[in-house]
Amino acid sequence: MDGPNQPPTDEVWRGMLLGTDGRYARIRSRLKHLPSEPRCKMCAAPFGGIGRPLMKLIGRDRWGKNPKYCAGCFETLSTFHGGAEIEASFLFADVRGSTTLAEQISPSEFRRRLDHFYDTASTLLVDHDGIVDKFVGDEVVGIFIPALTQNAHASRAITAAAELLRAMDPAGDPLGLPIGIGVSTGIAFVGSVGAPPVTEFTALGDIVNTTARLASAARAGELLIGERTAVVARYDTSRLERRSLELKGKTEAVPVFVVTTGTSDSSQEVRA
């Protein structure tokens, strides 16, 4: 690892994002002896019991982007400008017809339903080891990287998306909203952008833009899964509709598989 005040090298960034950086194993071997559960899934820092005050003191309290992990494991990602190009999976979910809906209900009710959407999406992203990248208007963006998913980023993204689609179905939840979701997998720059103290952990690249386009193309109650995602996740697409989409900014049609609230099946998740 580079010095505490030195920007990490590309190799270090890649090791952190892919989960191959040996420092996690070394730290875990020490922290696993401190009480108590729950713990950081990467370094085993305790979030409860008598170990928690010490972890807070040394900067290993829960990380804001995913509270299953400690801030210490991602201090470099949050502090320094930089990152690496890796294969990861991305989830964009947004509300269909939000302008019309906002005209039909009070502003307070609209906010209440959006908060429900944000809370539900955040919970499911975290449950499946995703990173809550951002909330933008009526859209939620999630990132799934190898380090947090034990290289099962594609299947975790699909499962989180399918569960979110079902959870927000207005037919089963009075606070539900009609949403469309896109999930894609590919090479992106993942890391921190912006100069301290306003650095932001995020992802950039064509695959990120493509995922956003898929979410926009999805109809209410639809999840569009990119072909690469289905292949990497070993997801059974035999019963799914296949579409070829002309997306803005893309020179070639993008093949996707369509999941609806009636066809989603989280049991297909494959864990590495």
Protein backbone atom coordinates (compact mmCIF):
# COMPACT_ATOMS: atom_id res chain seq x y z
CA MET A 1 0.00 0.00 0.00
CA ASP A 2 1.22 3.48 -0.76
CA GLY A 3 2.01 5.90 2.05
CA PRO A 4 -0.96 7.36 3.96
CA ASN A 5 -0.65 10.74 2.27
CA GLN A 6 0.28 9.49 -1.20
CA PRO A 7 -2.24 8.83 -3.98
CA PRO A 8 -2.52 5.09 -4.65
CA THR A 9 -1.13 3.58 -7.83
CA ASP A 10 -3.37 2.09 -10.52
CA GLU A 11 -2.37 -1.35 -9.24
CA VAL A 12 -3.56 -0.50 -5.72
CA TRP A 13 -6.84 0.89 -7.03
CA ARG A 14 -7.42 -2.27 -9.04
CA GLY A 15 -6.61 -4.46 -6.03
CA MET A 16 -9.14 -2.64 -3.87
CA LEU A 17 -11.91 -2.73 -6.48
CA LEU A 18 -11.34 -6.36 -7.41
CA GLY A 19 -10.84 -7.50 -3.83
CA THR A 20 -7.33 -8.82 -4.48
CA ASP A 21 -5.49 -6.35 -2.24
CA GLY A 22 -3.81 -8.42 0.48
CA ARG A 23 -4.24 -5.72 3.12
CA TYR A 24 -7.83 -6.82 3.72
CA ALA A 25 -6.75 -10.33 4.68
CA ARG A 26 -4.09 -8.97 7.03
CA ILE A 27 -6.47 -6.54 8.73
CA ARG A 28 -9.18 -9.18 8.93
CA SER A 29 -6.86 -11.59 10.73
CA ARG A 30 -6.52 -9.02 13.53
CA LEU A 31 -9.98 -7.51 13.74
CA LYS A 32 -11.92 -10.78 13.70
CA HIS A 33 -10.87 -11.34 17.33
CA LEU A 34 -12.58 -8.15 18.54
CA PRO A 35 -16.24 -8.39 19.64
CA SER A 36 -18.85 -8.26 18.22
CA GLU A 37 -21.39 -8.77 15.41
CA PRO A 38 -22.34 -7.39 12.93
CA ARG A 39 -19.03 -6.81 11.14
CA CYS A 40 -17.57 -5.20 8.06
CA LYS A 41 -17.83 -7.87 5.36
CA MET A 42 -14.39 -6.96 4.04
CA CYS A 43 -12.14 -6.46 7.07
CA ALA A 44 -14.31 -7.87 9.93
CA ALA A 45 -14.31 -4.60 11.90
CA PRO A 46 -17.04 -4.96 14.57
CA PHE A 47 -20.01 -2.61 14.30
CA GLY A 48 -21.49 -3.73 17.62
CA GLY A 49 -20.50 -4.53 21.17
CA ILE A 50 -17.47 -3.18 22.99
CA GLY A 51 -15.42 -3.15 19.78
CA ARG A 52 -17.54 -0.51 18.10
CA PRO A 53 -16.25 2.57 19.99
CA LEU A 54 -12.68 1.63 19.10
CA MET A 55 -13.62 1.14 15.44
CA LYS A 56 -15.26 4.56 15.34
CA LEU A 57 -12.14 6.06 16.89
CA ILE A 58 -9.87 4.61 14.18
CA GLY A 59 -12.23 5.45 11.30
CA ARG A 60 -13.80 2.04 10.78
CA ASP A 61 -17.44 2.91 11.43
CA ARG A 62 -20.05 2.03 8.81
CA TRP A 63 -19.50 3.34 5.26
CA GLY A 64 -22.25 5.63 3.97
CA LYS A 65 -22.41 4.02 0.51
CA ASN A 66 -23.08 0.57 1.98
CA PRO A 67 -23.32 0.12 5.76
CA LYS A 68 -22.27 -3.54 5.51
CA TYR A 69 -18.72 -2.25 5.05
CA CYS A 70 -16.58 0.10 7.10
CA ALA A 71 -15.38 3.51 5.99
CA GLY A 72 -11.80 2.48 6.68
CA CYS A 73 -11.83 -0.08 3.87
CA PHE A 74 -12.84 2.67 1.47
CA GLU A 75 -10.93 5.59 2.94
CA THR A 76 -8.60 5.68 -0.05
CA LEU A 77 -11.53 5.59 -2.46
CA SER A 78 -13.15 8.49 -0.64
CA THR A 79 -10.00 10.54 -0.09
CA PHE A 80 -7.95 10.38 -3.26
CA HIS A 81 -8.74 11.31 -6.84
CA GLY A 82 -8.29 8.19 -8.95
CA GLY A 83 -9.54 4.72 -9.75
CA ALA A 84 -9.20 1.91 -12.26
CA GLU A 85 -10.96 0.39 -15.24
CA ILE A 86 -12.66 -2.85 -14.19
CA GLU A 87 -15.60 -4.97 -15.24
CA ALA A 88 -18.58 -4.25 -13.02
CA SER A 89 -22.36 -4.22 -13.19
CA PHE A 90 -24.70 -1.25 -12.98
CA LEU A 91 -28.33 -0.72 -12.07
CA PHE A 92 -30.47 2.28 -12.96
CA ALA A 93 -34.09 2.45 -11.84
CA ASP A 94 -36.44 5.34 -12.40
CA VAL A 95 -40.10 6.19 -12.02
CA ARG A 96 -42.31 6.10 -15.10
CA GLY A 97 -44.76 8.98 -15.50
CA SER A 98 -43.55 10.89 -12.44
CA THR A 99 -44.64 14.25 -13.86
CA THR A 100 -48.20 13.05 -14.39
CA LEU A 101 -48.27 11.40 -10.97
CA ALA A 102 -47.06 14.59 -9.29
CA GLU A 103 -50.00 16.45 -10.83
CA GLN A 104 -52.48 13.95 -9.42
CA ILE A 105 -51.37 13.83 -5.78
CA SER A 106 -50.20 16.34 -3.21
CA PRO A 107 -46.49 17.30 -3.02
CA SER A 108 -46.25 15.69 0.42
CA GLU A 109 -47.72 12.42 -0.83
CA PHE A 110 -45.42 12.47 -3.87
CA ARG A 111 -42.42 12.94 -1.59
CA ARG A 112 -43.62 10.14 0.70
CA ARG A 113 -43.83 7.72 -2.21
CA LEU A 114 -40.44 8.77 -3.58
CA ASP A 115 -38.90 8.30 -0.14
CA HIS A 116 -40.39 4.81 -0.07
CA PHE A 117 -38.80 4.11 -3.45
CA TYR A 118 -35.41 5.40 -2.29
CA ASP A 119 -35.55 3.45 0.97
CA THR A 120 -36.62 0.22 -0.74
CA ALA A 121 -33.96 0.53 -3.43
CA SER A 122 -31.23 1.34 -0.91
CA THR A 123 -32.14 -1.64 1.26
CA LEU A 124 -32.11 -4.06 -1.67
CA LEU A 125 -28.86 -2.69 -3.11
CA VAL A 126 -27.17 -3.06 0.27
CA ASP A 127 -28.67 -6.52 0.84
CA HIS A 128 -27.07 -7.69 -2.40
CA ASP A 129 -23.73 -5.98 -1.76
CA GLY A 130 -24.26 -3.14 -4.18
CA ILE A 131 -23.11 0.43 -3.70
CA VAL A 132 -25.74 3.16 -3.57
CA ASP A 133 -24.14 5.56 -6.02
CA LYS A 134 -26.71 8.34 -6.07
CA PHE A 135 -30.33 9.48 -6.13
CA VAL A 136 -31.06 11.79 -9.05
CA GLY A 137 -34.60 13.18 -9.16
CA ASP A 138 -36.77 10.07 -9.41
CA GLU A 139 -33.86 7.77 -10.31
CA VAL A 140 -31.68 5.42 -8.24
CA VAL A 141 -28.21 4.37 -9.41
CA GLY A 142 -26.34 1.34 -8.06
CA ILE A 143 -22.85 -0.08 -8.67
CA PHE A 144 -21.84 -3.71 -8.15
CA ILE A 145 -18.07 -4.30 -8.02
CA PRO A 146 -16.10 -7.57 -7.74
CA ALA A 147 -14.59 -6.73 -4.33
CA LEU A 148 -17.97 -6.57 -2.60
CA THR A 149 -19.77 -9.35 -4.46
CA GLN A 150 -17.08 -12.06 -4.54
CA ASN A 151 -17.07 -11.59 -8.34
CA ALA A 152 -20.81 -12.24 -8.57
CA HIS A 153 -21.57 -8.63 -9.51
CA ALA A 154 -23.78 -9.47 -12.51
CA SER A 155 -26.03 -11.95 -10.69
CA ARG A 156 -26.29 -9.71 -7.63
CA ALA A 157 -27.36 -6.78 -9.82
CA ILE A 158 -30.03 -8.86 -11.56
CA THR A 159 -31.38 -10.20 -8.28
CA ALA A 160 -31.51 -6.76 -6.65
CA ALA A 161 -33.26 -5.34 -9.71
CA ALA A 162 -35.84 -8.15 -9.90
CA GLU A 163 -36.65 -7.80 -6.21
CA LEU A 164 -36.95 -4.03 -6.53
CA LEU A 165 -39.32 -4.44 -9.47
CA ARG A 166 -41.58 -6.69 -7.41
CA ALA A 167 -41.33 -4.60 -4.26
CA MET A 168 -42.42 -1.40 -6.03
CA ASP A 169 -45.31 -2.98 -7.94
CA PRO A 170 -48.30 -0.65 -7.26
CA ALA A 171 -50.60 -3.68 -7.46
CA GLY A 172 -49.08 -5.09 -4.29
CA ASP A 173 -48.03 -1.94 -2.42
CA PRO A 174 -50.17 1.19 -1.97
CA LEU A 175 -46.93 3.21 -1.83
CA GLY A 176 -45.52 1.47 -4.89
CA LEU A 177 -44.57 3.35 -8.03
CA PRO A 178 -44.39 2.29 -11.68
CA ILE A 179 -40.66 1.92 -12.35
CA GLY A 180 -38.42 0.78 -15.17
CA ILE A 181 -34.98 -0.73 -14.53
CA GLY A 182 -31.88 -1.31 -16.63
CA VAL A 183 -28.96 -3.55 -15.69
CA SER A 184 -25.72 -3.81 -17.70
CA THR A 185 -22.24 -5.24 -17.27
CA GLY A 186 -19.02 -3.98 -18.81
CA ILE A 187 -15.75 -2.14 -18.41
CA ALA A 188 -16.01 1.20 -16.60
CA PHE A 189 -13.77 3.58 -14.72
CA VAL A 190 -14.66 3.11 -11.05
CA GLY A 191 -13.18 5.37 -8.41
CA SER A 192 -13.22 8.86 -6.96
CA VAL A 193 -13.70 11.95 -9.07
CA GLY A 194 -13.30 15.56 -8.02
CA ALA A 195 -10.70 17.20 -5.84
CA PRO A 196 -10.81 16.85 -2.03
CA PRO A 197 -12.81 17.65 0.03
CA VAL A 198 -15.59 17.05 -2.51
CA THR A 199 -14.44 13.75 -4.02
CA GLU A 200 -17.24 11.38 -5.00
CA PHE A 201 -17.04 7.63 -5.47
CA THR A 202 -18.76 6.81 -8.76
CA ALA A 203 -18.42 5.07 -12.14
CA LEU A 204 -17.89 6.53 -15.60
CA GLY A 205 -17.90 5.15 -19.10
CA ASP A 206 -20.00 3.98 -22.01
CA ILE A 207 -21.49 1.04 -20.12
CA VAL A 208 -22.78 3.39 -17.42
CA ASN A 209 -24.45 5.59 -20.04
CA THR A 210 -25.88 2.51 -21.75
CA THR A 211 -27.44 1.32 -18.48
CA ALA A 212 -29.08 4.69 -18.01
CA ARG A 213 -30.50 4.43 -21.55
CA LEU A 214 -31.86 0.96 -20.79
CA ALA A 215 -33.67 2.25 -17.72
CA SER A 216 -35.21 5.01 -19.82
CA ALA A 217 -36.29 2.49 -22.47
CA ALA A 218 -37.87 0.11 -19.95
CA ARG A 219 -41.62 0.32 -19.66
CA ALA A 220 -43.37 0.48 -16.31
CA GLY A 221 -42.91 -2.86 -14.57
CA GLU A 222 -40.00 -3.94 -16.79
CA LEU A 223 -36.39 -4.82 -16.10
CA LEU A 224 -34.09 -4.80 -19.15
CA ILE A 225 -31.00 -6.99 -18.74
CA GLY A 226 -28.04 -6.46 -21.03
CA GLU A 227 -26.82 -9.52 -22.92
CA ARG A 228 -23.37 -9.41 -21.31
CA THR A 229 -24.94 -9.33 -17.84
CA ALA A 230 -27.02 -12.42 -18.55
CA VAL A 231 -23.95 -14.28 -19.84
CA VAL A 232 -21.72 -13.36 -16.88
CA ALA A 233 -24.47 -14.21 -14.38
CA ARG A 234 -25.31 -17.47 -16.15
CA TYR A 235 -28.90 -16.30 -16.01
CA ASP A 236 -31.56 -18.51 -17.61
CA THR A 237 -33.08 -16.43 -20.41
CA SER A 238 -34.90 -19.25 -22.18
CA ARG A 239 -38.32 -17.99 -21.14
CA LEU A 240 -37.64 -14.29 -21.51
CA GLU A 241 -38.52 -11.93 -24.32
CA ARG A 242 -35.48 -10.72 -26.26
CA ARG A 243 -35.42 -7.23 -27.74
CA SER A 244 -32.96 -5.31 -29.87
CA LEU A 245 -33.01 -1.65 -28.88
CA GLU A 246 -31.91 1.41 -30.80
CA LEU A 247 -30.53 3.61 -28.01
CA LYS A 248 -29.58 7.24 -28.27
CA GLY A 249 -25.85 7.65 -28.84
CA LYS A 250 -25.29 3.99 -29.78
CA THR A 251 -24.26 3.13 -33.33
CA GLU A 252 -25.48 -0.46 -33.04
CA ALA A 253 -28.63 -2.01 -31.62
CA VAL A 254 -28.34 -3.22 -28.02
CA PRO A 255 -29.73 -6.71 -27.29
CA VAL A 256 -31.57 -7.11 -23.98
CA PHE A 257 -33.73 -9.61 -22.15
CA VAL A 258 -37.01 -8.45 -20.61
CA VAL A 259 -38.07 -9.36 -17.08
CA THR A 260 -41.46 -8.28 -15.74
CA THR A 261 -43.04 -8.55 -12.32
CA GLY A 262 -44.59 -11.81 -13.47
CA THR A 263 -41.36 -13.38 -14.77
CA SER A 264 -38.79 -12.16 -12.22
CA ASP A 265 -37.20 -14.98 -10.24
CA SER A 266 -34.55 -14.17 -7.67
CA SER A 267 -33.76 -17.86 -7.24
CA GLN A 268 -31.64 -17.66 -10.39
CA GLU A 269 -28.94 -15.72 -8.60
CA VAL A 270 -25.51 -17.31 -8.96
CA ARG A 271 -23.00 -16.64 -6.19
CA ALA A 272 -19.32 -17.11 -6.85
